[in-house]
Amino acid sequence: MNRATTMHKPHTFYIAGIYALALLLIYFLLPSHYAFADSEEEQIASVNKHKTSALSGPTIQIDPLFAYYKNRSAASIADEIVQNGYKSVRYFVVNENNINRELIEAFRERGIKVWALVLGNGSYSVEGFPAEWPSWQMQLLTPVNDGYYRFSPHSEGYVQWKKTRLAQLVREYPFDGIEVAEPYFPEWGGLESGLYGDVGPLAQAAFLKQYGHANIPDFRNPQNPDYYQTNQELYQDWIDFRVKAVNSFLNEVINGKGGVREARRDILVATWTLAIDAGPDSVTKLRELQGLDAAEMISAVRPDLHMLQTHWPDWTKPEEELPPQYIHNYQNFVDEIRAVHPNIPLGVQADIGSRTWMLKDRAWYNALGEVAQSMGIGTWTAYEYHLGKYMYDEAPVPTAIARPEHNKVLISFQKRIDEASAKLPGSLNIITKDCETTIAPENITVDGNMLMIQSSDLPKKEFRLRIENITDEPPYWYYYKDGAPHVIASNTIVTVGKKNH
């Protein structure tokens, strides 16, 4: 996952519903409803109907630690996501010790399903971690200091800590689902760049224990009999060993004693693997280089959903080199999964703005969704909501009007707006048959994308409101913070109804 900064309600059952209750109990006692045969899945379809929006359609990733989400209420963030048409979000948990409960609850209050998206192979922050965390780290062929702490799935301490922490996370916070992205080993091209691991003592000890090899393959010296390109038997065991390590890690965290599913029987689970357009051998090369085998991972973990994450050699391409149809080139990954798991729901993840040269607009993202559906991929997401090109291209547009009280009007926009611009003379004008009346600045407040008018002078009946001057807020963007703000279209008029009932 690229960070641009560096990537129930209880039910009461009566006698007539005992059979349905039995099915529900069976469901919760199994690791995942995906383990059911089709006929059994149909029997519990009504139980899972409320989860549909979390498994299908467009969704978006949210990283609340970005400035765009600061100095505004959680309710306004949720409202903005609603105004942009999303029914599901993937909350990027950068650090399991820093989670915004109010934001999760605000999303759920608006009917938005919330996934906890956690990283499997490391963390951008070790604040609040146990003192022994340095002993969990992978060893790479070439050490790097890039702000990301990489942890080894061969570290029993890390595996148990991660399992305990994620179980605690789903118990304490009302997430609808949890997904472990990037559980893999680094890295595509790592044998050449040196960003390849784990090759340290943790991996060596595990390899000896599981496969009986005293040495791991040599990746530097072609003269060594155990050089990875020479000793193919050793190297193949090493490849299989790494795949097993990734999948065993995930299985333990999700399905192990004291893990996620034991903590929350009702929670949805998604697994993630990479996908890359690197020719016909892409599936095999990812297995070799990063320990990723999607079909084997699904068999091990039994998730409700599997996501294909766009790999960095693809998402870093310039916009003109990456049309939304690029995911057609991931068909080999889909085929690999479908050959073993024909019914597992699939999703795909894209990047819409982690670099300035590959910003994507709404049309691009909508087209990506159409391509995904044509491939039998039911859901799609992107990193990260406020990084999209639309943030830098679009002027504010009012998208919803509410009137909870006679003297209060709430106007929602598709992006956050500047309060000072809303309070300029003539920004908000009540239109009547005879005249226009300007709303005084002291009667106007702004919270993120939401503008509130509170005045006893508002007409009791339906009225029209002319909106001028209002701009967005470049200082809260990730790029182009010093850019000129976009101004709402001149002579924008909305209709304000009577008090909502």
Protein backbone atom coordinates (compact mmCIF):
# COMPACT_ATOMS: atom_id res chain seq x y z
CA MET A 1 0.00 0.00 0.00
CA ASN A 2 1.58 3.21 -1.02
CA ARG A 3 1.23 6.07 1.42
CA ALA A 4 1.78 9.28 -0.50
CA THR A 5 3.46 10.68 2.61
CA THR A 6 6.40 8.38 2.20
CA MET A 7 1.36 4.27 0.49
CA HIS A 8 -25.46 -5.85 15.10
CA LYS A 9 -28.05 -5.18 15.98
CA PRO A 10 -29.24 -8.27 18.04
CA HIS A 11 -32.23 -10.18 16.75
CA THR A 12 -35.00 -12.02 18.66
CA PHE A 13 -36.09 -15.33 17.19
CA TYR A 14 -39.41 -17.02 17.92
CA ILE A 15 -40.22 -20.72 17.63
CA ALA A 16 -41.00 -20.41 13.93
CA GLY A 17 -37.50 -19.09 13.35
CA ILE A 18 -35.51 -21.82 15.11
CA TYR A 19 -34.30 -23.30 11.82
CA ALA A 20 -33.01 -19.94 10.64
CA LEU A 21 -31.30 -19.46 14.01
CA ALA A 22 -29.58 -22.83 13.67
CA LEU A 23 -28.22 -21.84 10.27
CA LEU A 24 -26.98 -18.58 11.70
CA LEU A 25 -25.19 -20.32 14.56
CA ILE A 26 -23.56 -22.74 12.14
CA TYR A 27 -22.43 -19.82 10.06
CA PHE A 28 -20.81 -18.05 12.98
CA LEU A 29 -19.07 -21.22 14.15
CA LEU A 30 -17.38 -21.68 10.80
CA PRO A 31 -14.41 -19.53 9.80
CA SER A 32 -16.19 -18.10 6.77
CA HIS A 33 -19.45 -18.50 4.90
CA TYR A 34 -17.32 -19.12 1.83
CA ALA A 35 -16.80 -22.64 3.20
CA PHE A 36 -20.47 -23.49 2.59
CA ALA A 37 -21.66 -25.29 -0.53
CA ASP A 38 -23.80 -23.20 -2.86
CA SER A 39 -27.12 -24.56 -1.52
CA GLU A 40 -26.11 -23.74 2.05
CA GLU A 41 -24.96 -20.29 1.00
CA GLU A 42 -28.40 -19.69 -0.46
CA GLN A 43 -29.99 -20.72 2.84
CA ILE A 44 -28.10 -18.04 4.74
CA ALA A 45 -28.33 -15.41 1.99
CA SER A 46 -30.82 -13.37 3.98
CA VAL A 47 -28.45 -13.35 6.96
CA ASN A 48 -25.70 -11.87 4.81
CA LYS A 49 -27.80 -9.49 2.77
CA HIS A 50 -26.70 -6.53 4.86
CA LYS A 51 -23.09 -7.23 3.88
CA THR A 52 -23.64 -6.99 0.14
CA SER A 53 -22.56 -3.37 -0.18
CA ALA A 54 -19.24 -4.25 1.44
CA LEU A 55 -18.52 -6.90 -1.19
CA SER A 56 -19.68 -5.21 -4.38
CA GLY A 57 -19.58 -1.93 -6.25
CA PRO A 58 -17.23 1.05 -5.94
CA THR A 59 -15.41 1.67 -2.70
CA ILE A 60 -12.58 4.01 -1.74
CA GLN A 61 -9.60 4.01 0.61
CA ILE A 62 -9.40 6.63 3.36
CA ASP A 63 -6.30 7.55 5.35
CA PRO A 64 -7.55 9.88 8.12
CA LEU A 65 -4.01 10.94 9.01
CA PHE A 66 -3.80 13.18 5.93
CA ALA A 67 -4.36 16.91 6.45
CA TYR A 68 -7.51 16.85 4.29
CA TYR A 69 -9.35 15.16 7.14
CA LYS A 70 -8.14 17.53 9.85
CA ASN A 71 -9.98 20.51 11.37
CA ARG A 72 -13.41 19.16 10.51
CA SER A 73 -15.91 16.81 12.11
CA ALA A 74 -16.11 13.09 11.50
CA ALA A 75 -19.72 13.66 10.39
CA SER A 76 -18.56 15.96 7.60
CA ILE A 77 -16.03 13.39 6.35
CA ALA A 78 -18.73 10.74 6.24
CA ASP A 79 -21.08 13.16 4.50
CA GLU A 80 -18.49 13.94 1.83
CA ILE A 81 -18.04 10.25 1.10
CA VAL A 82 -21.82 9.88 0.83
CA GLN A 83 -21.99 12.83 -1.58
CA ASN A 84 -19.44 11.09 -3.78
CA GLY A 85 -21.60 8.00 -4.07
CA TYR A 86 -19.69 5.48 -1.95
CA LYS A 87 -21.42 2.89 0.22
CA SER A 88 -18.21 1.32 1.49
CA VAL A 89 -14.80 2.63 2.58
CA ARG A 90 -11.48 1.01 3.39
CA TYR A 91 -10.06 2.72 6.47
CA PHE A 92 -6.28 2.55 6.11
CA VAL A 93 -4.99 1.67 9.58
CA VAL A 94 -1.44 3.03 9.44
CA ASN A 95 -0.90 2.14 13.10
CA GLU A 96 -3.22 -0.16 15.05
CA ASN A 97 -2.68 2.07 18.09
CA ASN A 98 -4.13 5.15 16.40
CA ILE A 99 -7.72 4.67 15.23
CA ASN A 100 -10.51 7.24 15.02
CA ARG A 101 -13.58 5.57 16.55
CA GLU A 102 -15.73 8.64 15.95
CA LEU A 103 -15.03 8.46 12.22
CA ILE A 104 -15.91 4.77 12.02
CA GLU A 105 -19.17 5.43 13.82
CA ALA A 106 -19.92 8.43 11.60
CA PHE A 107 -19.51 6.29 8.49
CA ARG A 108 -21.77 3.59 9.88
CA GLU A 109 -24.40 6.12 10.91
CA ARG A 110 -24.61 7.11 7.24
CA GLY A 111 -24.96 3.50 6.12
CA ILE A 112 -21.37 3.17 4.90
CA LYS A 113 -19.66 -0.18 5.47
CA VAL A 114 -16.17 0.19 6.93
CA TRP A 115 -13.25 -2.14 6.27
CA ALA A 116 -10.19 -2.02 8.48
CA LEU A 117 -7.32 -2.15 6.00
CA VAL A 118 -4.14 -3.15 7.81
CA LEU A 119 -0.66 -3.89 6.50
CA GLY A 120 0.73 -7.38 6.89
CA ASN A 121 4.47 -7.08 6.35
CA GLY A 122 5.26 -4.00 8.40
CA SER A 123 4.31 -0.55 9.57
CA TYR A 124 5.00 3.11 8.84
CA SER A 125 5.05 3.75 12.58
CA VAL A 126 6.23 1.78 15.60
CA GLU A 127 4.78 4.19 18.14
CA GLY A 128 3.25 2.14 20.95
CA PHE A 129 4.84 -1.11 19.77
CA PRO A 130 6.39 -3.54 22.28
CA ALA A 131 10.04 -2.97 23.14
CA GLU A 132 11.07 -6.15 21.30
CA TRP A 133 9.83 -4.96 17.90
CA PRO A 134 13.39 -4.56 16.46
CA SER A 135 13.84 -8.34 16.75
CA TRP A 136 10.84 -8.85 14.41
CA GLN A 137 12.44 -7.18 11.43
CA MET A 138 13.30 -8.78 8.12
CA GLN A 139 16.85 -8.75 6.88
CA LEU A 140 17.24 -7.61 3.28
CA LEU A 141 20.01 -8.29 0.81
CA THR A 142 20.77 -4.56 0.93
CA PRO A 143 19.66 -2.60 4.02
CA VAL A 144 17.36 0.35 3.38
CA ASN A 145 16.11 3.24 5.49
CA ASP A 146 12.95 4.38 3.74
CA GLY A 147 10.64 5.00 6.70
CA TYR A 148 8.94 1.61 6.53
CA TYR A 149 9.58 -1.08 9.15
CA ARG A 150 9.44 -4.55 7.55
CA PHE A 151 8.56 -7.45 9.85
CA SER A 152 9.18 -11.11 9.14
CA PRO A 153 6.39 -13.69 9.09
CA HIS A 154 9.06 -16.05 10.48
CA SER A 155 9.07 -14.04 13.72
CA GLU A 156 6.81 -15.83 16.18
CA GLY A 157 6.77 -12.71 18.33
CA TYR A 158 5.51 -10.57 15.48
CA VAL A 159 2.89 -13.10 14.38
CA GLN A 160 1.46 -13.43 17.86
CA TRP A 161 1.52 -9.68 18.49
CA LYS A 162 -0.20 -9.00 15.16
CA LYS A 163 -2.85 -11.63 15.83
CA THR A 164 -3.56 -10.31 19.31
CA ARG A 165 -3.61 -6.71 18.14
CA LEU A 166 -6.00 -7.34 15.24
CA ALA A 167 -8.30 -9.42 17.41
CA GLN A 168 -8.38 -6.56 19.89
CA LEU A 169 -8.99 -4.11 17.06
CA VAL A 170 -12.11 -5.89 15.77
CA ARG A 171 -13.45 -6.35 19.29
CA GLU A 172 -13.00 -2.71 20.22
CA TYR A 173 -14.04 -1.00 16.98
CA PRO A 174 -17.23 -1.57 14.95
CA PHE A 175 -15.58 -2.44 11.64
CA ASP A 176 -17.69 -4.43 9.18
CA GLY A 177 -14.66 -6.15 7.71
CA ILE A 178 -10.92 -6.54 8.05
CA GLU A 179 -8.35 -7.06 5.32
CA VAL A 180 -4.61 -7.63 5.48
CA ALA A 181 -2.95 -5.96 2.52
CA GLU A 182 0.68 -6.42 1.56
CA PRO A 183 1.48 -9.58 3.54
CA TYR A 184 4.19 -10.40 1.00
CA PHE A 185 7.99 -10.40 0.96
CA PRO A 186 9.81 -7.59 -0.82
CA GLU A 187 10.18 -6.94 -3.72
CA TRP A 188 9.60 -6.94 -7.47
CA GLY A 189 13.09 -6.67 -8.95
CA GLY A 190 14.49 -7.13 -5.47
CA LEU A 191 17.19 -9.60 -6.47
CA GLU A 192 18.70 -6.88 -8.65
CA SER A 193 18.03 -3.90 -6.37
CA GLY A 194 18.88 -5.64 -3.10
CA LEU A 195 15.39 -4.96 -1.70
CA TYR A 196 14.81 -8.68 -1.23
CA GLY A 197 14.06 -10.54 1.99
CA ASP A 198 13.72 -12.07 4.43
CA VAL A 199 17.23 -13.54 4.28
CA GLY A 200 18.11 -13.10 7.94
CA PRO A 201 18.47 -15.51 10.88
CA LEU A 202 14.70 -15.78 11.37
CA ALA A 203 14.25 -17.07 7.82
CA GLN A 204 17.32 -19.31 8.02
CA ALA A 205 16.12 -20.98 11.21
CA ALA A 206 12.62 -21.56 9.84
CA PHE A 207 13.97 -22.94 6.56
CA LEU A 208 16.15 -25.42 8.42
CA LYS A 209 13.26 -26.50 10.66
CA GLN A 210 10.72 -26.92 7.88
CA TYR A 211 12.83 -28.17 4.97
CA GLY A 212 16.01 -29.44 6.60
CA HIS A 213 18.34 -27.20 4.60
CA ALA A 214 21.25 -25.83 6.61
CA ASN A 215 21.67 -22.96 4.16
CA ILE A 216 19.34 -20.70 2.27
CA PRO A 217 20.08 -20.00 -1.40
CA ASP A 218 23.01 -17.69 -2.13
CA PHE A 219 21.88 -14.63 -4.08
CA ARG A 220 25.25 -12.93 -4.55
CA ASN A 221 27.96 -15.39 -5.53
CA PRO A 222 27.47 -17.35 -8.79
CA GLN A 223 30.43 -19.55 -7.81
CA ASN A 224 28.61 -20.87 -4.74
CA PRO A 225 27.08 -24.35 -5.33
CA ASP A 226 23.97 -23.04 -3.52
CA TYR A 227 23.64 -20.03 -5.82
CA TYR A 228 19.93 -19.64 -6.49
CA GLN A 229 20.27 -20.06 -10.26
CA THR A 230 22.49 -23.13 -9.84
CA ASN A 231 20.88 -25.22 -7.10
CA GLN A 232 17.36 -25.36 -8.48
CA GLU A 233 16.11 -27.94 -5.97
CA LEU A 234 17.16 -25.73 -3.08
CA TYR A 235 15.72 -22.62 -4.73
CA GLN A 236 12.36 -24.29 -5.44
CA ASP A 237 12.08 -25.33 -1.81
CA TRP A 238 12.90 -21.74 -0.87
CA ILE A 239 10.11 -20.41 -3.12
CA ASP A 240 7.57 -22.84 -1.66
CA PHE A 241 8.79 -22.04 1.85
CA ARG A 242 8.15 -18.33 1.33
CA VAL A 243 4.64 -18.90 -0.04
CA LYS A 244 3.86 -21.10 2.94
CA ALA A 245 5.21 -18.43 5.30
CA VAL A 246 2.94 -15.71 3.92
CA ASN A 247 -0.16 -17.91 3.98
CA SER A 248 0.60 -19.42 7.39
CA PHE A 249 1.01 -15.93 8.81
CA LEU A 250 -2.38 -14.86 7.49
CA ASN A 251 -4.07 -18.07 8.54
CA GLU A 252 -2.75 -17.73 12.09
CA VAL A 253 -3.75 -14.09 12.40
CA ILE A 254 -7.25 -14.65 11.03
CA ASN A 255 -8.11 -18.24 11.99
CA GLY A 256 -5.68 -19.08 14.80
CA LYS A 257 -6.59 -19.42 18.45
CA GLY A 258 -7.24 -15.95 19.78
CA GLY A 259 -7.30 -14.52 16.26
CA VAL A 260 -9.67 -12.31 14.34
CA ARG A 261 -12.45 -14.80 13.68
CA GLU A 262 -12.48 -16.02 17.25
CA ALA A 263 -12.83 -12.41 18.37
CA ARG A 264 -15.60 -11.53 15.88
CA ARG A 265 -17.49 -14.37 14.22
CA ASP A 266 -19.56 -11.93 12.18
CA ILE A 267 -16.75 -9.92 10.63
CA LEU A 268 -15.97 -10.04 6.92
CA VAL A 269 -12.43 -10.99 5.92
CA ALA A 270 -10.57 -10.07 2.74
CA THR A 271 -7.16 -11.24 1.58
CA TRP A 272 -4.93 -9.28 -0.79
CA THR A 273 -2.32 -10.26 -3.36
CA LEU A 274 -0.54 -8.22 -6.00
CA ALA A 275 -1.20 -8.24 -9.73
CA ILE A 276 1.17 -6.95 -12.40
CA ASP A 277 1.25 -6.58 -16.17
CA ALA A 278 4.65 -8.20 -16.75
CA GLY A 279 3.92 -10.75 -19.43
CA PRO A 280 2.65 -14.33 -19.42
CA ASP A 281 4.89 -15.34 -16.50
CA SER A 282 3.56 -12.64 -14.13
CA VAL A 283 1.77 -15.09 -11.84
CA THR A 284 4.83 -17.34 -11.55
CA LYS A 285 7.23 -14.44 -11.04
CA LEU A 286 5.20 -12.95 -8.20
CA ARG A 287 5.14 -16.33 -6.52
CA GLU A 288 8.90 -16.56 -6.87
CA LEU A 289 9.87 -13.03 -5.93
CA GLN A 290 7.30 -12.11 -3.28
CA GLY A 291 5.82 -15.33 -1.96
CA LEU A 292 2.37 -14.67 -3.40
CA ASP A 293 0.05 -17.43 -4.55
CA ALA A 294 -3.52 -16.15 -4.53
CA ALA A 295 -5.22 -19.52 -4.92
CA GLU A 296 -3.18 -21.07 -2.10
CA MET A 297 -3.81 -18.01 0.08
CA ILE A 298 -7.56 -18.28 -0.39
CA SER A 299 -7.45 -21.99 0.42
CA ALA A 300 -5.52 -21.28 3.62
CA VAL A 301 -7.50 -18.31 4.93
CA ARG A 302 -11.00 -18.88 3.44
CA PRO A 303 -11.83 -15.18 3.05
CA ASP A 304 -15.14 -13.62 2.05
CA LEU A 305 -13.38 -11.54 -0.61
CA HIS A 306 -10.03 -11.51 -2.39
CA MET A 307 -8.48 -8.30 -3.67
CA LEU A 308 -5.95 -7.89 -6.49
CA GLN A 309 -3.72 -4.92 -5.74
CA THR A 310 -2.12 -3.04 -8.62
CA HIS A 311 1.66 -3.40 -8.27
CA TRP A 312 3.86 -0.30 -8.26
CA PRO A 313 5.43 -0.89 -11.72
CA ASP A 314 1.90 -0.44 -13.08
CA TRP A 315 0.39 2.29 -10.92
CA THR A 316 3.44 4.54 -11.25
CA LYS A 317 3.00 4.76 -15.01
CA PRO A 318 1.93 8.18 -16.36
CA GLU A 319 -1.81 8.67 -16.78
CA GLU A 320 -1.63 8.38 -20.56
CA GLU A 321 0.14 5.00 -20.27
CA LEU A 322 -2.38 3.48 -17.88
CA PRO A 323 -5.92 3.56 -19.27
CA PRO A 324 -8.58 1.96 -17.05
CA GLN A 325 -8.52 -1.06 -19.36
CA TYR A 326 -5.09 -2.01 -17.98
CA ILE A 327 -6.68 -4.47 -15.58
CA HIS A 328 -7.59 -6.64 -18.58
CA ASN A 329 -3.94 -7.65 -18.34
CA TYR A 330 -4.66 -9.10 -14.90
CA GLN A 331 -6.88 -11.78 -16.40
CA ASN A 332 -4.19 -14.40 -15.79
CA PHE A 333 -4.42 -13.70 -12.06
CA VAL A 334 -8.20 -13.99 -12.17
CA ASP A 335 -7.93 -17.26 -14.10
CA GLU A 336 -5.46 -18.67 -11.58
CA ILE A 337 -7.91 -17.97 -8.75
CA ARG A 338 -11.03 -19.11 -10.59
CA ALA A 339 -9.45 -22.45 -11.47
CA VAL A 340 -9.43 -23.33 -7.78
CA HIS A 341 -12.05 -21.02 -6.28
CA PRO A 342 -14.71 -20.38 -8.93
CA ASN A 343 -17.13 -18.59 -6.59
CA ILE A 344 -14.94 -16.37 -4.44
CA PRO A 345 -15.90 -12.68 -4.77
CA LEU A 346 -13.06 -10.66 -6.27
CA GLY A 347 -12.01 -7.03 -6.13
CA VAL A 348 -9.27 -4.90 -7.66
CA GLN A 349 -7.35 -1.95 -6.23
CA ALA A 350 -5.93 0.96 -8.22
CA ASP A 351 -4.02 4.12 -7.38
CA ILE A 352 -5.49 7.48 -8.38
CA GLY A 353 -2.95 9.98 -7.15
CA SER A 354 0.15 8.92 -5.25
CA ARG A 355 2.29 10.81 -7.77
CA THR A 356 1.44 14.00 -9.65
CA TRP A 357 2.07 12.46 -13.06
CA MET A 358 -0.53 9.73 -12.63
CA LEU A 359 -3.52 11.56 -11.18
CA LYS A 360 -6.84 9.98 -12.21
CA ASP A 361 -10.23 11.68 -12.55
CA ARG A 362 -13.75 10.42 -11.93
CA ALA A 363 -14.27 9.28 -15.50
CA TRP A 364 -11.15 7.10 -15.30
CA TYR A 365 -12.26 5.51 -12.04
CA ASN A 366 -15.80 4.91 -13.26
CA ALA A 367 -14.42 3.28 -16.40
CA LEU A 368 -12.17 1.08 -14.26
CA GLY A 369 -15.27 -0.17 -12.47
CA GLU A 370 -16.95 -1.02 -15.77
CA VAL A 371 -13.89 -2.97 -16.91
CA ALA A 372 -13.74 -4.80 -13.58
CA GLN A 373 -17.36 -5.86 -13.83
CA SER A 374 -16.84 -7.11 -17.37
CA MET A 375 -14.11 -9.38 -15.96
CA GLY A 376 -16.35 -10.76 -13.23
CA ILE A 377 -14.68 -8.61 -10.57
CA GLY A 378 -17.46 -7.34 -8.34
CA THR A 379 -15.80 -4.53 -6.38
CA TRP A 380 -13.01 -2.02 -6.85
CA THR A 381 -11.20 0.51 -4.71
CA ALA A 382 -8.47 3.13 -5.04
CA TYR A 383 -5.78 4.76 -2.99
CA GLU A 384 -6.61 7.39 -1.81
CA TYR A 385 -9.86 9.40 -1.87
CA HIS A 386 -8.53 12.96 -1.61
CA LEU A 387 -5.55 12.32 -3.91
CA GLY A 388 -7.71 11.93 -7.02
CA LYS A 389 -7.41 14.38 -9.90
CA TYR A 390 -10.93 15.63 -9.26
CA MET A 391 -9.65 17.29 -6.10
CA TYR A 392 -7.47 19.60 -8.21
CA ASP A 393 -9.84 20.02 -11.17
CA GLU A 394 -13.34 20.47 -9.80
CA ALA A 395 -15.06 23.53 -8.37
CA PRO A 396 -17.39 23.07 -5.40
CA VAL A 397 -20.86 21.84 -6.34
CA PRO A 398 -23.82 21.64 -3.93
CA THR A 399 -25.02 18.05 -3.93
CA ALA A 400 -27.63 17.83 -1.15
CA ILE A 401 -29.88 20.18 0.82
CA ALA A 402 -31.36 19.35 4.22
CA ARG A 403 -33.54 21.42 6.52
CA PRO A 404 -33.74 19.71 9.92
CA GLU A 405 -35.33 22.77 11.53
CA HIS A 406 -37.22 25.80 10.24
CA ASN A 407 -34.29 28.01 11.15
CA LYS A 408 -31.52 25.66 9.95
CA VAL A 409 -30.35 24.66 6.47
CA LEU A 410 -27.49 22.25 5.70
CA ILE A 411 -25.90 22.32 2.26
CA SER A 412 -23.51 19.51 1.34
CA PHE A 413 -20.79 19.85 -1.31
CA GLN A 414 -18.75 17.13 -3.03
CA LYS A 415 -15.54 18.47 -1.46
CA ARG A 416 -14.52 20.62 1.49
CA ILE A 417 -15.06 24.36 1.13
CA ASP A 418 -13.52 27.51 2.55
CA GLU A 419 -15.54 29.17 5.31
CA ALA A 420 -14.16 32.65 4.64
CA SER A 421 -15.40 32.51 1.05
CA ALA A 422 -18.86 31.49 2.25
CA LYS A 423 -19.00 34.55 4.49
CA LEU A 424 -18.11 37.07 1.81
CA PRO A 425 -20.81 39.67 1.12
CA GLY A 426 -23.39 38.25 -1.24
CA SER A 427 -22.26 34.62 -1.03
CA LEU A 428 -25.70 33.37 0.06
CA ASN A 429 -28.85 35.17 -1.08
CA ILE A 430 -32.46 34.24 -0.44
CA ILE A 431 -34.50 34.78 -3.61
CA THR A 432 -38.13 35.82 -3.25
CA LYS A 433 -40.65 37.05 -5.75
CA ASP A 434 -39.88 40.65 -4.91
CA CYS A 435 -36.17 40.76 -3.96
CA GLU A 436 -33.00 39.02 -2.86
CA THR A 437 -31.88 39.09 0.76
CA THR A 438 -28.27 38.44 1.66
CA ILE A 439 -27.67 36.10 4.57
CA ALA A 440 -25.43 37.69 7.19
CA PRO A 441 -21.97 36.11 7.73
CA GLU A 442 -22.67 35.48 11.41
CA ASN A 443 -25.47 33.10 10.36
CA ILE A 444 -23.11 30.95 8.28
CA THR A 445 -20.73 28.22 9.43
CA VAL A 446 -18.73 25.63 7.50
CA ASP A 447 -17.62 22.19 8.58
CA GLY A 448 -15.52 20.49 5.91
CA ASN A 449 -17.86 20.02 2.95
CA MET A 450 -20.95 21.10 4.89
CA LEU A 451 -22.31 24.62 5.02
CA MET A 452 -24.86 25.50 7.68
CA ILE A 453 -27.21 28.49 7.70
CA GLN A 454 -28.91 29.20 10.99
CA SER A 455 -31.31 32.14 11.09
CA SER A 456 -34.80 32.85 12.38
CA ASP A 457 -35.30 35.02 9.28
CA LEU A 458 -35.38 32.08 6.85
CA PRO A 459 -38.67 31.77 4.96
CA LYS A 460 -40.96 29.18 6.51
CA LYS A 461 -41.93 27.81 3.12
CA GLU A 462 -39.80 26.49 0.29
CA PHE A 463 -37.41 29.07 -1.13
CA ARG A 464 -34.58 29.45 -3.59
CA LEU A 465 -31.01 30.26 -2.58
CA ARG A 466 -28.40 31.82 -4.82
CA ILE A 467 -24.81 30.71 -4.01
CA GLU A 468 -21.78 32.74 -5.10
CA ASN A 469 -18.09 33.15 -4.19
CA ILE A 470 -17.62 29.82 -2.43
CA THR A 471 -14.26 28.15 -3.06
CA ASP A 472 -12.50 24.93 -2.17
CA GLU A 473 -9.44 24.79 0.11
CA PRO A 474 -6.06 24.19 -1.60
CA PRO A 475 -4.13 24.36 1.71
CA TYR A 476 -5.70 21.01 2.63
CA TRP A 477 -4.78 19.31 -0.65
CA TYR A 478 -1.80 17.00 -0.87
CA TYR A 479 -0.42 18.64 -4.01
CA TYR A 480 -0.66 22.21 -5.31
CA LYS A 481 -1.37 23.69 -1.89
CA ASP A 482 -0.45 27.14 -3.19
CA GLY A 483 -2.70 26.84 -6.23
CA ALA A 484 -5.62 29.13 -6.97
CA PRO A 485 -8.87 27.87 -5.43
CA HIS A 486 -11.77 26.82 -7.62
CA VAL A 487 -14.88 29.01 -7.37
CA ILE A 488 -18.43 27.71 -7.50
CA ALA A 489 -20.16 28.31 -10.82
CA SER A 490 -21.69 31.78 -11.00
CA ASN A 491 -25.43 32.02 -10.43
CA THR A 492 -25.72 28.63 -8.77
CA ILE A 493 -29.26 28.38 -7.42
CA VAL A 494 -30.63 25.63 -5.18
CA THR A 495 -34.10 25.02 -3.78
CA VAL A 496 -34.54 24.76 -0.03
CA GLY A 497 -37.66 22.91 1.02
CA LYS A 498 -39.72 23.03 4.17
CA LYS A 499 -38.50 21.47 7.39
CA ASN A 500 -37.57 17.79 6.89
CA HIS A 501 -40.02 15.35 8.38
